Amino acid sequence: MNRYPEPENQRSFVVRVVQTLEKLHIPYAIGGSLAAMVYSAPRLTMDVDIMILADEASLARLVEEVNSWGIYIAPLETILEQDLPHGLPFNIYDGAAGTRADLYPVRPVGLAGSAIGRRRRIRSEILDIEAWFLSPCLQRM
């Protein structure tokens, strides 16, 4: 039997992650399905994808904060030694609620840095808060 997160649990989880990133002054931008829903029509999503700009000290504070919630976050050592060097995301996961956030640490330069630089502060009806979202890419012909 598949366990899908209840919409309210998922909303509360994402809001808590966003508020924590803001409290810790970690620049972020929501991407993936949630960003697509802000710019277009609702669609099914099982997780949230968030791009973050965070140094080692900020990551340590984030791991400590999420650990205090009693849910899973990748250990700091794993993030620093395995995920960051290989450009991999790390996860925050609430197994009881079935909700997950995939956090993608990026550098402030290059394509990812440019994407964070173009983020937009938007009120999300789905989340019922203002948050930072990746802006949609527009191609020039």
Protein backbone atom coordinates (compact mmCIF):
# COMPACT_ATOMS: atom_id res chain seq x y z
CA MET A 1 0.00 0.00 0.00
CA ASN A 2 1.44 3.39 -1.03
CA ARG A 3 1.43 6.12 1.59
CA TYR A 4 0.85 9.57 0.18
CA PRO A 5 1.31 12.62 2.39
CA GLU A 6 -1.81 14.43 3.46
CA PRO A 7 -1.89 17.86 1.75
CA GLU A 8 -1.97 19.71 5.09
CA ASN A 9 1.01 17.71 6.40
CA GLN A 10 2.92 18.44 3.22
CA ARG A 11 2.08 22.16 3.33
CA SER A 12 3.05 22.43 7.01
CA PHE A 13 6.32 20.60 6.36
CA VAL A 14 7.32 22.86 3.46
CA VAL A 15 6.36 25.99 5.40
CA ARG A 16 8.47 24.82 8.35
CA VAL A 17 11.50 24.19 6.10
CA VAL A 18 11.09 27.60 4.41
CA GLN A 19 10.69 29.42 7.73
CA THR A 20 13.79 27.67 9.09
CA LEU A 21 15.88 28.67 6.08
CA GLU A 22 14.72 32.26 6.52
CA LYS A 23 15.36 32.21 10.27
CA LEU A 24 18.91 30.94 9.63
CA HIS A 25 19.40 33.55 6.83
CA ILE A 26 20.14 30.86 4.25
CA PRO A 27 19.28 32.11 0.75
CA TYR A 28 17.00 29.62 -0.99
CA ALA A 29 14.69 29.23 -3.96
CA ILE A 30 11.94 26.65 -4.34
CA GLY A 31 12.00 24.84 -7.68
CA GLY A 32 10.44 21.74 -9.17
CA SER A 33 6.72 21.04 -8.98
CA LEU A 34 5.93 23.70 -6.38
CA ALA A 35 7.54 26.41 -8.49
CA ALA A 36 5.72 25.12 -11.56
CA MET A 37 2.43 25.39 -9.65
CA VAL A 38 3.14 29.02 -8.76
CA TYR A 39 3.58 29.88 -12.43
CA SER A 40 0.95 27.55 -13.92
CA ALA A 41 -1.56 24.87 -12.93
CA PRO A 42 -1.51 22.61 -9.84
CA ARG A 43 -0.04 19.14 -10.23
CA LEU A 44 0.83 16.19 -8.01
CA THR A 45 4.06 16.42 -6.06
CA MET A 46 5.47 14.16 -3.38
CA ASP A 47 8.37 16.39 -2.30
CA VAL A 48 9.80 19.88 -2.52
CA ASP A 49 13.02 20.81 -4.32
CA ILE A 50 14.93 23.74 -2.82
CA MET A 51 18.15 25.30 -4.05
CA ILE A 52 20.23 26.82 -1.21
CA LEU A 53 23.36 28.93 -0.83
CA ALA A 54 24.97 27.80 2.40
CA ASP A 55 28.48 27.61 3.78
CA GLU A 56 29.62 24.91 6.20
CA ALA A 57 28.56 26.88 9.30
CA SER A 58 25.07 27.51 7.88
CA LEU A 59 24.70 23.84 6.97
CA ALA A 60 25.73 22.87 10.50
CA ARG A 61 23.06 25.18 11.98
CA LEU A 62 20.45 23.78 9.57
CA VAL A 63 21.28 20.16 10.46
CA GLU A 64 21.18 20.99 14.18
CA GLU A 65 17.80 22.76 13.84
CA VAL A 66 16.14 19.99 11.82
CA ASN A 67 17.54 17.31 14.15
CA SER A 68 15.68 19.08 16.99
CA TRP A 69 12.40 18.38 15.14
CA GLY A 70 12.92 14.63 15.58
CA ILE A 71 12.90 13.88 11.83
CA TYR A 72 15.61 12.76 9.42
CA ILE A 73 18.17 15.06 7.85
CA ALA A 74 21.35 13.79 6.27
CA PRO A 75 24.26 13.92 8.73
CA LEU A 76 26.50 16.97 8.34
CA GLU A 77 29.53 14.76 7.63
CA THR A 78 27.68 13.06 4.75
CA ILE A 79 26.60 16.41 3.31
CA LEU A 80 30.13 17.84 3.50
CA GLU A 81 32.10 14.75 2.46
CA GLN A 82 29.80 13.05 -0.07
CA ASP A 83 26.98 15.29 -1.28
CA LEU A 84 28.69 18.69 -1.74
CA PRO A 85 31.80 17.43 -3.56
CA HIS A 86 29.63 15.54 -6.04
CA GLY A 87 26.95 18.20 -6.49
CA LEU A 88 24.28 15.98 -4.93
CA PRO A 89 21.21 17.09 -2.97
CA PHE A 90 20.60 16.07 0.62
CA ASN A 91 17.27 15.27 2.23
CA ILE A 92 15.02 16.25 5.06
CA TYR A 93 12.44 13.51 5.55
CA ASP A 94 9.46 13.12 7.87
CA GLY A 95 8.66 9.42 7.63
CA ALA A 96 5.56 9.66 9.82
CA ALA A 97 3.96 12.27 7.54
CA GLY A 98 5.50 10.96 4.31
CA THR A 99 6.97 14.35 3.37
CA ARG A 100 10.42 15.11 1.95
CA ALA A 101 12.55 18.08 0.96
CA ASP A 102 15.48 17.70 -1.42
CA LEU A 103 17.97 20.52 -0.79
CA TYR A 104 20.46 21.35 -3.53
CA PRO A 105 23.44 23.32 -2.20
CA VAL A 106 24.90 25.56 -4.91
CA ARG A 107 27.75 28.01 -5.28
CA PRO A 108 27.01 31.69 -5.83
CA VAL A 109 28.72 31.57 -9.26
CA GLY A 110 27.91 29.90 -12.55
CA LEU A 111 24.50 28.82 -13.78
CA ALA A 112 23.15 27.87 -10.34
CA GLY A 113 24.35 31.14 -8.82
CA SER A 114 22.67 33.00 -11.65
CA ALA A 115 19.41 31.11 -11.00
CA ILE A 116 19.47 32.03 -7.30
CA GLY A 117 20.18 35.63 -8.30
CA ARG A 118 17.01 35.70 -10.40
CA ARG A 119 14.72 34.17 -7.77
CA ARG A 120 11.39 35.85 -7.07
CA ARG A 121 9.54 36.48 -3.83
CA ILE A 122 5.98 35.29 -4.49
CA ARG A 123 2.93 34.63 -2.37
CA SER A 124 2.02 30.98 -2.83
CA GLU A 125 -1.66 30.17 -2.46
CA ILE A 126 -0.75 26.50 -2.01
CA LEU A 127 1.61 27.21 0.90
CA ASP A 128 -0.30 30.28 2.12
CA ILE A 129 2.98 32.18 2.64
CA GLU A 130 5.41 34.34 0.71
CA ALA A 131 8.55 32.45 -0.28
CA TRP A 132 11.44 32.61 -2.75
CA PHE A 133 10.92 30.68 -5.99
CA LEU A 134 13.19 30.06 -8.93
CA SER A 135 12.07 32.24 -11.81
CA PRO A 136 10.92 30.56 -15.00
CA CYS A 137 13.59 30.48 -17.69
CA LEU A 138 12.84 32.41 -20.84
CA GLN A 139 14.72 31.50 -23.98
CA ARG A 140 15.67 34.13 -26.52
CA MET A 141 15.61 33.13 -30.15
